[in-house]
């Protein structure tokens, strides 16, 4: 049922397109506003009829829940604003900020719930329970859980941290209302503040979820490692073309959902006509944009695979480099210059996690000495790369 509802919301739209994605996000936000407002009206009306303070309080809680839905709509709307002079890559990251705002609200609700639960423990008060009130709260729990699943699945489907944060917010309401129901039922059998004790445990769980969402969103804003599936697709697309031997140094930068830029180094024949290889590269960049929605820039590295002397030098240098334990690979190898001015230029990839800056410099010095000793008439230029690139 939920999947059918999600399909109805998406309605065949291409959610990788930022404009279609905005429409889906706004629809999802209005779903939250509508359902929360219905809950508010029903609970408030029955609260007045039955005289239930807890039901009326929960009604206003649902009214404030529309805040997260409004933030969702604003996030999608503002994120889709076109680039301007001050923001040449658009405003896509504003969606991450809306998700961060909702995550902080989730934690705030958790802290408030700890305070209210603690008050119930230290100063328990008699609870007046009516089955009509309990029934309405149970129905509210069911509807809120539906909203949680809806936002969670839709958020994962279109890759929206804002919707996933809204899903966590809805789940928090499921737990808080469940504690109210538990208190109403327990009041018929005991005077112990069971709802207060359980409430503190659930509040800690809500805060934990809010914290995890906050950290996840902050990682995205700071710049986390890109999706490996996307990286593999880019790699396979580039190397599928003639004259591309191999690729490395892929860097992917996200400026918000659907706004991705990337650069990659491609090894090509050193003796190929420049205009011809430019046409190949230009075609690849267009295809990657059309099929993957990524603005790709390709840097070409000329590779001499015909000269036996060059290949022998490359093999020897690679062997020397890999004899040092913390060096993982060698690339961008060039052996150039005239007879009296030979140069060896290459990059060596080293372990980024277990080496200090001082140790890296020591490795570079050691490798430079080894290569210079092997090729005494050659100037050696080595660049150390960290193993943080995807390829």
Protein backbone atom coordinates (compact mmCIF):
# COMPACT_ATOMS: atom_id res chain seq x y z
CA UNK A 1 0.00 0.00 0.00
CA UNK A 2 2.79 2.42 0.94
CA UNK A 3 4.74 1.60 -2.23
CA UNK A 4 1.60 2.25 -4.29
CA UNK A 5 1.16 5.60 -2.56
CA UNK A 6 4.81 6.46 -3.26
CA UNK A 7 4.37 5.50 -6.93
CA UNK A 8 1.35 7.81 -7.00
CA UNK A 9 3.43 10.66 -5.58
CA UNK A 10 6.31 10.07 -8.03
CA UNK A 11 3.84 9.49 -10.90
CA UNK A 12 6.51 8.32 -13.32
CA UNK A 13 8.68 11.42 -12.82
CA UNK A 14 12.44 11.22 -13.31
CA UNK A 15 13.53 12.01 -9.76
CA UNK A 16 17.19 12.37 -10.84
CA UNK A 17 16.02 15.58 -12.53
CA UNK A 18 16.21 18.40 -9.97
CA UNK A 19 12.96 20.06 -11.11
CA UNK A 20 10.94 16.83 -10.96
CA UNK A 21 12.59 16.02 -7.63
CA UNK A 22 11.42 19.36 -6.24
CA UNK A 23 7.82 18.57 -7.21
CA UNK A 24 8.01 15.18 -5.46
CA UNK A 25 9.46 16.76 -2.30
CA UNK A 26 6.78 19.45 -2.18
CA UNK A 27 4.04 16.85 -2.60
CA UNK A 28 5.53 14.83 0.26
CA UNK A 29 5.61 17.95 2.43
CA UNK A 30 1.95 18.71 1.78
CA UNK A 31 1.06 15.09 2.65
CA UNK A 32 2.62 15.70 6.09
CA UNK A 33 0.82 19.02 6.57
CA UNK A 34 -2.54 17.48 5.60
CA UNK A 35 -2.26 14.37 7.80
CA UNK A 36 -0.92 16.27 10.82
CA UNK A 37 -3.68 18.87 10.53
CA UNK A 38 -6.34 16.12 10.34
CA UNK A 39 -4.87 14.55 13.50
CA UNK A 40 -4.90 17.96 15.17
CA UNK A 41 -8.59 18.59 14.41
CA UNK A 42 -9.76 15.10 15.41
CA UNK A 43 -7.79 15.03 18.68
CA UNK A 44 -8.72 18.59 19.62
CA UNK A 45 -12.43 17.97 18.99
CA UNK A 46 -12.50 14.71 20.96
CA UNK A 47 -10.36 16.29 23.66
CA UNK A 48 -12.99 18.99 24.19
CA UNK A 49 -15.81 16.42 24.09
CA UNK A 50 -14.20 14.04 26.57
CA UNK A 51 -12.39 16.68 28.60
CA UNK A 52 -9.08 14.85 28.09
CA UNK A 53 -6.14 17.19 28.66
CA UNK A 54 -3.63 14.61 27.32
CA UNK A 55 -5.58 14.30 24.08
CA UNK A 56 -5.73 18.07 23.60
CA UNK A 57 -1.98 18.34 24.37
CA UNK A 58 -1.22 15.66 21.79
CA UNK A 59 -3.41 17.55 19.30
CA UNK A 60 -1.23 20.65 19.57
CA UNK A 61 1.85 18.43 19.30
CA UNK A 62 0.53 17.31 15.89
CA UNK A 63 -0.02 20.93 14.91
CA UNK A 64 3.62 21.72 15.66
CA UNK A 65 4.63 18.64 13.63
CA UNK A 66 3.56 20.51 10.52
CA UNK A 67 6.74 22.55 11.08
CA UNK A 68 8.93 19.72 9.77
CA UNK A 69 6.69 19.43 6.70
CA UNK A 70 6.96 23.17 6.07
CA UNK A 71 10.76 22.93 6.42
CA UNK A 72 10.70 20.03 3.92
CA UNK A 73 8.82 22.13 1.36
CA UNK A 74 11.08 25.15 1.89
CA UNK A 75 14.18 22.95 1.62
CA UNK A 76 13.16 21.51 -1.74
CA UNK A 77 11.98 24.89 -2.99
CA UNK A 78 15.09 26.87 -2.02
CA UNK A 79 17.49 24.11 -3.12
CA UNK A 80 16.14 24.31 -6.66
CA UNK A 81 16.85 28.01 -7.10
CA UNK A 82 19.04 28.59 -10.18
CA UNK A 83 22.74 29.51 -9.93
CA UNK A 84 23.56 33.17 -9.39
CA UNK A 85 26.65 35.34 -9.19
CA UNK A 86 27.38 34.41 -5.58
CA UNK A 87 26.45 30.72 -5.96
CA UNK A 88 27.64 29.57 -9.41
CA UNK A 89 26.93 25.90 -8.62
CA UNK A 90 23.35 26.50 -7.50
CA UNK A 91 21.72 26.17 -4.08
CA UNK A 92 21.30 22.39 -3.89
CA UNK A 93 23.02 22.05 -0.52
CA UNK A 94 20.18 24.00 1.12
CA UNK A 95 18.25 20.72 1.08
CA UNK A 96 20.92 19.27 3.37
CA UNK A 97 20.45 22.22 5.74
CA UNK A 98 16.69 21.60 5.91
CA UNK A 99 17.43 17.97 6.81
CA UNK A 100 19.89 19.16 9.46
CA UNK A 101 17.24 21.49 10.92
CA UNK A 102 14.72 18.66 11.23
CA UNK A 103 17.38 16.41 12.81
CA UNK A 104 18.05 19.06 15.46
CA UNK A 105 14.28 19.35 16.09
CA UNK A 106 14.15 15.57 16.60
CA UNK A 107 16.86 15.82 19.28
CA UNK A 108 15.04 18.76 20.90
CA UNK A 109 11.86 16.65 21.13
CA UNK A 110 13.91 13.88 22.73
CA UNK A 111 15.32 16.22 25.40
CA UNK A 112 11.86 17.63 26.12
CA UNK A 113 10.53 14.10 26.45
CA UNK A 114 13.25 13.25 29.00
CA UNK A 115 12.19 16.23 31.13
CA UNK A 116 8.48 15.37 30.98
CA UNK A 117 9.18 11.68 31.70
CA UNK A 118 11.39 12.55 34.68
CA UNK A 119 8.65 14.78 36.11
CA UNK A 120 6.24 11.83 35.92
CA UNK A 121 8.71 9.73 37.92
CA UNK A 122 9.53 12.25 40.69
CA UNK A 123 6.05 13.75 40.89
CA UNK A 124 3.53 11.16 39.64
CA UNK A 125 -0.03 12.36 39.25
CA UNK A 126 -3.21 10.31 38.84
CA UNK A 127 -4.13 9.60 35.23
CA UNK A 128 -7.76 9.69 34.13
CA UNK A 129 -8.18 7.03 31.47
CA UNK A 130 -11.02 6.76 28.96
CA UNK A 131 -11.16 4.09 26.29
CA UNK A 132 -12.24 6.59 23.64
CA UNK A 133 -9.09 8.61 24.31
CA UNK A 134 -6.90 5.50 24.18
CA UNK A 135 -8.50 4.39 20.90
CA UNK A 136 -7.89 7.75 19.21
CA UNK A 137 -4.26 7.71 20.35
CA UNK A 138 -3.77 4.18 19.00
CA UNK A 139 -5.19 5.24 15.63
CA UNK A 140 -2.83 8.22 15.75
CA UNK A 141 0.10 5.85 16.30
CA UNK A 142 -0.91 3.79 13.27
CA UNK A 143 -1.17 6.89 11.07
CA UNK A 144 2.15 8.27 12.31
CA UNK A 145 3.86 4.94 11.63
CA UNK A 146 2.43 5.04 8.11
CA UNK A 147 3.97 8.51 7.71
CA UNK A 148 7.29 7.22 9.02
CA UNK A 149 7.41 4.38 6.48
CA UNK A 150 6.21 6.66 3.68
CA UNK A 151 8.90 9.29 4.26
CA UNK A 152 11.63 6.74 4.91
CA UNK A 153 10.99 4.76 1.71
CA UNK A 154 10.45 7.84 -0.42
CA UNK A 155 13.56 9.47 1.04
CA UNK A 156 15.70 6.46 0.22
CA UNK A 157 14.20 6.17 -3.24
CA UNK A 158 15.02 9.74 -4.30
CA UNK A 159 18.08 10.09 -2.05
CA UNK A 160 16.70 12.80 0.25
CA UNK A 161 18.15 13.21 3.74
CA UNK A 162 15.43 15.77 4.47
CA UNK A 163 12.67 13.19 3.97
CA UNK A 164 14.60 10.60 5.98
CA UNK A 165 14.89 13.13 8.83
CA UNK A 166 11.13 13.75 8.59
CA UNK A 167 10.63 9.98 8.83
CA UNK A 168 12.63 9.91 12.07
CA UNK A 169 10.57 12.81 13.39
CA UNK A 170 7.37 10.82 12.69
CA UNK A 171 8.84 7.75 14.41
CA UNK A 172 9.58 9.89 17.46
CA UNK A 173 5.87 10.80 17.58
CA UNK A 174 4.98 7.10 17.40
CA UNK A 175 7.09 6.44 20.50
CA UNK A 176 5.94 9.48 22.49
CA UNK A 177 2.25 8.77 21.83
CA UNK A 178 2.83 5.08 22.65
CA UNK A 179 4.13 6.10 26.07
CA UNK A 180 0.98 8.19 26.62
CA UNK A 181 -1.14 5.13 25.75
CA UNK A 182 1.01 2.96 28.03
CA UNK A 183 0.44 5.41 30.87
CA UNK A 184 -3.34 5.40 30.29
CA UNK A 185 -3.51 1.60 30.28
CA UNK A 186 -1.12 1.14 33.22
CA UNK A 187 -3.13 3.61 35.32
CA UNK A 188 -5.95 1.04 35.46
CA UNK A 189 -3.70 -1.51 37.18
CA UNK A 190 -0.97 0.35 39.09
CA UNK A 191 0.04 3.74 40.47
CA UNK A 192 3.70 3.23 39.52
CA UNK A 193 5.01 5.78 36.94
CA UNK A 194 5.68 3.13 34.30
CA UNK A 195 5.17 5.59 31.46
CA UNK A 196 7.85 7.88 32.93
CA UNK A 197 10.47 5.12 33.13
CA UNK A 198 9.74 3.82 29.64
CA UNK A 199 9.58 7.41 28.37
CA UNK A 200 13.18 8.13 29.39
CA UNK A 201 14.41 5.04 27.52
CA UNK A 202 12.48 6.03 24.39
CA UNK A 203 13.66 9.65 24.68
CA UNK A 204 17.29 8.47 24.66
CA UNK A 205 16.52 6.40 21.55
CA UNK A 206 14.96 9.47 19.85
CA UNK A 207 18.00 11.61 20.69
CA UNK A 208 20.32 8.90 19.37
CA UNK A 209 18.43 8.75 16.05
CA UNK A 210 18.47 12.54 15.78
CA UNK A 211 22.20 12.60 16.49
CA UNK A 212 22.93 9.94 13.84
CA UNK A 213 20.88 11.89 11.29
CA UNK A 214 22.71 15.09 12.22
CA UNK A 215 26.13 13.46 11.81
CA UNK A 216 25.09 11.89 8.50
CA UNK A 217 23.93 15.23 7.14
CA UNK A 218 27.05 17.01 8.41
CA UNK A 219 29.21 14.39 6.68
CA UNK A 220 27.43 15.16 3.42
CA UNK A 221 27.88 18.92 3.88
CA UNK A 222 31.56 18.56 4.82
CA UNK A 223 32.18 16.20 1.91
CA UNK A 224 32.04 12.44 2.45
CA UNK A 225 33.34 9.71 0.17
CA UNK A 226 31.09 9.53 -2.91
CA UNK A 227 28.81 6.65 -3.83
CA UNK A 228 30.96 3.76 -5.08
CA UNK A 229 28.20 2.59 -7.43
CA UNK A 230 28.27 5.95 -9.21
CA UNK A 231 32.08 5.87 -9.32
CA UNK A 232 32.04 2.42 -10.93
CA UNK A 233 29.50 3.56 -13.52
CA UNK A 234 31.68 6.54 -14.47
CA UNK A 235 34.75 4.32 -14.73
CA UNK A 236 33.05 1.71 -16.89
CA UNK A 237 31.59 4.38 -19.17
CA UNK A 238 34.95 6.10 -19.73
CA UNK A 239 37.01 2.94 -20.35
CA UNK A 240 34.36 1.57 -22.73
CA UNK A 241 35.61 3.96 -25.44
CA UNK A 242 38.45 3.25 -27.85
CA UNK A 243 41.86 4.77 -27.08
CA UNK A 244 41.20 4.89 -23.31
CA UNK A 245 43.64 2.45 -21.70
CA UNK A 246 42.82 3.03 -18.03
CA UNK A 247 41.58 5.65 -15.58
CA UNK A 248 42.59 6.91 -12.14
CA UNK A 249 42.26 9.87 -9.74
CA UNK A 250 38.47 10.09 -9.96
CA UNK A 251 37.15 12.93 -7.80
CA UNK A 252 33.39 13.50 -7.33
CA UNK A 253 31.92 16.66 -5.81
CA UNK A 254 28.27 17.01 -4.85
CA UNK A 255 26.65 20.45 -4.76
CA UNK A 256 23.32 18.99 -3.73
CA UNK A 257 21.10 16.16 -5.01
CA UNK A 258 21.23 16.01 -8.80
CA UNK A 259 24.13 18.48 -8.96
CA UNK A 260 27.31 16.43 -9.26
CA UNK A 261 30.65 17.37 -10.79
CA UNK A 262 33.58 15.01 -11.32
CA UNK A 263 37.07 14.87 -12.77
CA UNK A 264 39.08 11.84 -13.86
CA UNK A 265 42.48 11.09 -15.39
CA UNK A 266 42.42 8.89 -18.50
CA UNK A 267 45.49 7.21 -20.02
CA UNK A 268 45.59 7.60 -23.80
CA UNK A 269 48.12 6.81 -26.59
CA UNK A 270 51.00 9.33 -26.48
CA UNK A 271 51.21 9.53 -30.27
CA UNK A 272 47.52 10.07 -30.98
CA UNK A 273 46.41 13.21 -32.82
CA UNK A 274 45.42 15.86 -30.26
CA UNK A 275 42.23 16.89 -32.08
CA UNK A 276 41.15 13.28 -32.44
CA UNK A 277 41.61 12.41 -28.75
CA UNK A 278 39.89 15.70 -27.80
CA UNK A 279 36.84 14.62 -29.83
CA UNK A 280 36.79 11.26 -28.02
CA UNK A 281 37.03 12.92 -24.61
CA UNK A 282 34.35 15.47 -25.51
CA UNK A 283 32.00 12.68 -26.57
CA UNK A 284 32.58 10.77 -23.31
CA UNK A 285 31.87 13.87 -21.20
CA UNK A 286 28.58 14.46 -23.02
CA UNK A 287 27.47 10.83 -22.64
CA UNK A 288 28.29 10.74 -18.92
CA UNK A 289 26.22 13.89 -18.42
CA UNK A 290 23.28 12.52 -20.43
CA UNK A 291 23.24 9.06 -18.84
CA UNK A 292 24.50 9.68 -15.29
CA UNK A 293 23.70 13.36 -14.74
CA UNK A 294 27.34 14.12 -13.87
CA UNK A 295 29.35 17.06 -15.25
CA UNK A 296 32.61 15.25 -15.95
CA UNK A 297 35.99 16.77 -16.86
CA UNK A 298 38.59 14.35 -18.26
CA UNK A 299 42.32 15.01 -17.96
CA UNK A 300 44.37 13.01 -20.45
CA UNK A 301 47.64 11.31 -19.50
CA UNK A 302 49.73 10.27 -22.55
CA UNK A 303 50.97 6.68 -22.25
CA UNK A 304 53.85 5.30 -24.29
CA UNK A 305 53.12 1.59 -24.68
CA UNK A 306 55.28 1.02 -27.79
CA UNK A 307 58.79 1.86 -26.57
CA UNK A 308 60.55 -1.12 -24.93
CA UNK A 309 63.05 1.12 -23.16
CA UNK A 310 60.23 3.22 -21.66
CA UNK A 311 58.32 0.12 -20.52
CA UNK A 312 61.46 -1.37 -18.95
CA UNK A 313 62.09 1.85 -16.96
CA UNK A 314 58.44 1.99 -15.89
CA UNK A 315 58.52 -1.61 -14.69
CA UNK A 316 61.75 -1.06 -12.71
CA UNK A 317 60.47 2.11 -11.04
CA UNK A 318 57.20 0.38 -10.13
CA UNK A 319 59.13 -2.52 -8.57
CA UNK A 320 61.27 -0.12 -6.54
CA UNK A 321 58.23 1.81 -5.34
CA UNK A 322 56.23 -1.25 -4.33
CA UNK A 323 59.22 -2.59 -2.38
CA UNK A 324 58.41 0.11 0.19
CA UNK A 325 55.51 -1.35 2.29
CA UNK A 326 53.40 1.81 2.63
CA UNK A 327 53.37 2.58 -1.12
CA UNK A 328 50.24 1.11 -2.70
CA UNK A 329 50.58 1.94 -6.41
CA UNK A 330 52.26 4.13 -9.04
CA UNK A 331 50.62 6.09 -11.86
CA UNK A 332 51.03 9.12 -14.16
CA UNK A 333 54.44 7.77 -15.16
CA UNK A 334 56.49 9.84 -17.59
CA UNK A 335 60.05 9.29 -18.77
CA UNK A 336 61.01 12.28 -20.83
CA UNK A 337 63.82 14.61 -21.93
CA UNK A 338 66.87 14.58 -24.16
CA UNK A 339 69.92 12.38 -23.67
CA UNK A 340 71.62 14.75 -21.22
CA UNK A 341 68.38 15.97 -19.60
CA UNK A 342 66.37 12.88 -18.77
CA UNK A 343 63.47 13.22 -16.32
CA UNK A 344 61.35 10.69 -14.45
CA UNK A 345 58.01 12.05 -13.27
CA UNK A 346 55.41 9.93 -11.51
CA UNK A 347 52.94 9.79 -8.62
CA UNK A 348 53.03 7.22 -5.82
CA UNK A 349 49.95 6.44 -3.76
CA UNK A 350 50.56 5.95 -0.02
CA UNK A 351 48.46 4.84 2.96
CA UNK A 352 46.48 7.83 4.26
CA UNK A 353 45.40 6.34 7.61
CA UNK A 354 48.58 4.99 9.17
CA UNK A 355 51.21 7.51 8.10
CA UNK A 356 52.08 10.90 9.57
CA UNK A 357 53.19 13.80 7.39
CA UNK A 358 56.76 13.23 8.57
CA UNK A 359 56.61 9.55 7.62
CA UNK A 360 55.27 10.41 4.16
CA UNK A 361 58.14 12.81 3.54
CA UNK A 362 60.56 10.11 4.67
CA UNK A 363 59.03 7.64 2.20
CA UNK A 364 59.29 10.18 -0.60
CA UNK A 365 62.94 10.82 0.24
CA UNK A 366 63.71 7.08 0.39
CA UNK A 367 62.02 6.38 -2.96
CA UNK A 368 63.75 9.36 -4.62
CA UNK A 369 67.13 8.03 -3.49
CA UNK A 370 66.36 4.50 -4.72
CA UNK A 371 65.24 5.67 -8.16
CA UNK A 372 68.11 8.19 -8.50
CA UNK A 373 70.60 5.46 -7.64
CA UNK A 374 69.10 3.17 -10.31
CA UNK A 375 69.04 5.96 -12.91
CA UNK A 376 71.92 8.30 -11.95
CA UNK A 377 71.74 10.41 -15.14
CA UNK A 378 68.05 11.21 -14.62
CA UNK A 379 66.30 13.89 -12.58
CA UNK A 380 63.50 12.41 -10.47
CA UNK A 381 60.24 14.18 -9.58
CA UNK A 382 57.84 12.30 -7.31
CA UNK A 383 54.41 13.40 -6.08
CA UNK A 384 52.86 11.51 -3.18
CA UNK A 385 49.10 10.86 -3.45
CA UNK A 386 46.95 9.74 -0.54
CA UNK A 387 44.69 6.72 -1.06
CA UNK A 388 41.55 8.83 -0.61
CA UNK A 389 40.57 9.01 -4.26
CA UNK A 390 37.98 6.49 -5.42
CA UNK A 391 40.03 4.94 -8.24
